[in-house]
Amino acid sequence: KEDREEISRRTVDYICNRNQLKVVILLNDCRRTPEVDEVAIQRLCVDNGRHCLVIATKVDKEKRSQHERLLKDVARGLGLERSDILATGDGFSPADIWSRVISLL
């Protein structure tokens, strides 16, 4: 618990005080909706003028017929549209992710 609190404190400090930081990539397992920590990080980014790029992970571990529902659930949990998030294993390559990061800079 102490380690978790220390990591949380350092993360908040970094996002708030690192002037060079422009984009934060938030990874969220597609099999679970965003929890309080993920929502808090997203809000912290917005409040501090940082872009928050959400990438849903482990999509490839689920049935193709479930992909859109899972991704919509992640987006909804963060108050986003489905088109606002990328997903690993869903046709996006690392180059696509970098392209999105660069477009946010």
Protein backbone atom coordinates (compact mmCIF):
# COMPACT_ATOMS: atom_id res chain seq x y z
CA LYS A 1 0.00 0.00 0.00
CA GLU A 2 2.83 2.41 0.82
CA ASP A 3 4.51 1.71 -2.52
CA ARG A 4 1.25 2.31 -4.36
CA GLU A 5 0.74 5.64 -2.58
CA GLU A 6 4.31 6.69 -3.38
CA ILE A 7 3.88 5.82 -7.05
CA SER A 8 0.61 7.75 -7.12
CA ARG A 9 2.23 10.79 -5.47
CA ARG A 10 5.14 10.74 -7.93
CA THR A 11 2.80 10.36 -10.91
CA VAL A 12 0.71 13.34 -9.84
CA ASP A 13 3.84 15.39 -9.22
CA TYR A 14 5.28 14.48 -12.62
CA ILE A 15 2.10 15.27 -14.55
CA CYS A 16 1.61 18.56 -12.73
CA ASN A 17 5.19 19.83 -12.74
CA ARG A 18 6.98 18.43 -15.79
CA ASN A 19 6.68 21.37 -18.21
CA GLN A 20 8.07 19.39 -21.15
CA LEU A 21 5.34 16.76 -20.79
CA LYS A 22 2.73 17.24 -23.53
CA VAL A 23 1.09 13.81 -23.94
CA VAL A 24 0.36 11.07 -21.43
CA ILE A 25 -0.48 7.63 -22.76
CA LEU A 26 -3.01 5.89 -20.54
CA LEU A 27 -3.18 2.12 -20.99
CA ASN A 28 -6.45 0.47 -20.03
CA ASP A 29 -7.17 -3.25 -20.22
CA CYS A 30 -10.23 -3.50 -22.48
CA ARG A 31 -11.68 -6.24 -20.30
CA ARG A 32 -12.40 -3.84 -17.47
CA THR A 33 -13.96 -0.42 -17.40
CA PRO A 34 -11.76 2.45 -16.24
CA GLU A 35 -11.51 2.69 -12.49
CA VAL A 36 -11.07 5.68 -10.21
CA ASP A 37 -7.29 5.81 -10.81
CA GLU A 38 -7.60 5.93 -14.60
CA VAL A 39 -10.30 8.59 -14.48
CA ALA A 40 -8.22 10.61 -12.01
CA ILE A 41 -5.14 10.47 -14.27
CA GLN A 42 -7.19 11.56 -17.26
CA ARG A 43 -8.70 14.47 -15.29
CA LEU A 44 -5.27 15.44 -13.95
CA CYS A 45 -3.94 15.59 -17.51
CA VAL A 46 -6.81 17.77 -18.69
CA ASP A 47 -6.54 20.07 -15.67
CA ASN A 48 -2.81 20.54 -16.32
CA GLY A 49 -2.96 21.10 -20.07
CA ARG A 50 -1.66 17.65 -21.04
CA HIS A 51 -3.16 15.50 -23.76
CA CYS A 52 -4.23 12.05 -22.59
CA LEU A 53 -4.11 9.40 -25.29
CA VAL A 54 -6.05 6.32 -24.22
CA ILE A 55 -4.98 2.96 -25.56
CA ALA A 56 -7.12 -0.06 -24.80
CA THR A 57 -4.94 -3.14 -24.41
CA LYS A 58 -5.56 -6.88 -24.77
CA VAL A 59 -8.28 -6.48 -27.38
CA ASP A 60 -6.71 -9.35 -29.30
CA LYS A 61 -7.43 -11.68 -26.36
CA GLU A 62 -11.17 -11.29 -26.84
CA LYS A 63 -13.56 -12.49 -29.53
CA ARG A 64 -13.74 -10.15 -32.50
CA SER A 65 -17.49 -9.86 -32.02
CA GLN A 66 -16.83 -8.31 -28.57
CA HIS A 67 -14.22 -5.71 -29.64
CA GLU A 68 -16.52 -2.76 -30.30
CA ARG A 69 -18.57 -3.27 -27.14
CA LEU A 70 -15.43 -3.48 -24.99
CA LEU A 71 -13.89 -0.40 -26.59
CA LYS A 72 -17.11 1.58 -26.23
CA ASP A 73 -17.22 0.60 -22.55
CA VAL A 74 -13.68 1.90 -22.01
CA ALA A 75 -14.47 5.12 -23.88
CA ARG A 76 -17.72 5.65 -21.99
CA GLY A 77 -15.95 5.09 -18.65
CA LEU A 78 -13.63 7.98 -19.47
CA GLY A 79 -16.30 10.22 -20.96
CA LEU A 80 -14.89 9.81 -24.46
CA GLU A 81 -16.16 8.73 -27.85
CA ARG A 82 -15.06 5.37 -29.23
CA SER A 83 -13.06 7.17 -31.91
CA ASP A 84 -11.00 8.91 -29.19
CA ILE A 85 -9.22 5.74 -28.16
CA LEU A 86 -6.82 3.39 -29.91
CA ALA A 87 -6.68 -0.32 -29.29
CA THR A 88 -3.77 -2.73 -29.44
CA GLY A 89 -4.39 -5.79 -31.53
CA ASP A 90 -7.22 -4.04 -33.36
CA GLY A 91 -5.41 -3.03 -36.51
CA PHE A 92 -3.30 -0.27 -34.96
CA SER A 93 0.45 -0.48 -35.22
CA PRO A 94 3.07 1.34 -33.14
CA ALA A 95 3.41 3.72 -36.10
CA ASP A 96 -0.28 4.57 -35.80
CA ILE A 97 0.17 5.32 -32.11
CA TRP A 98 3.16 7.56 -32.79
CA SER A 99 1.23 9.30 -35.53
CA ARG A 100 -1.54 10.10 -33.03
CA VAL A 101 1.01 11.33 -30.48
CA ILE A 102 2.65 13.59 -33.05
CA SER A 103 -0.72 15.00 -34.07
CA LEU A 104 -1.29 16.00 -30.44
CA LEU A 105 1.99 17.88 -30.13
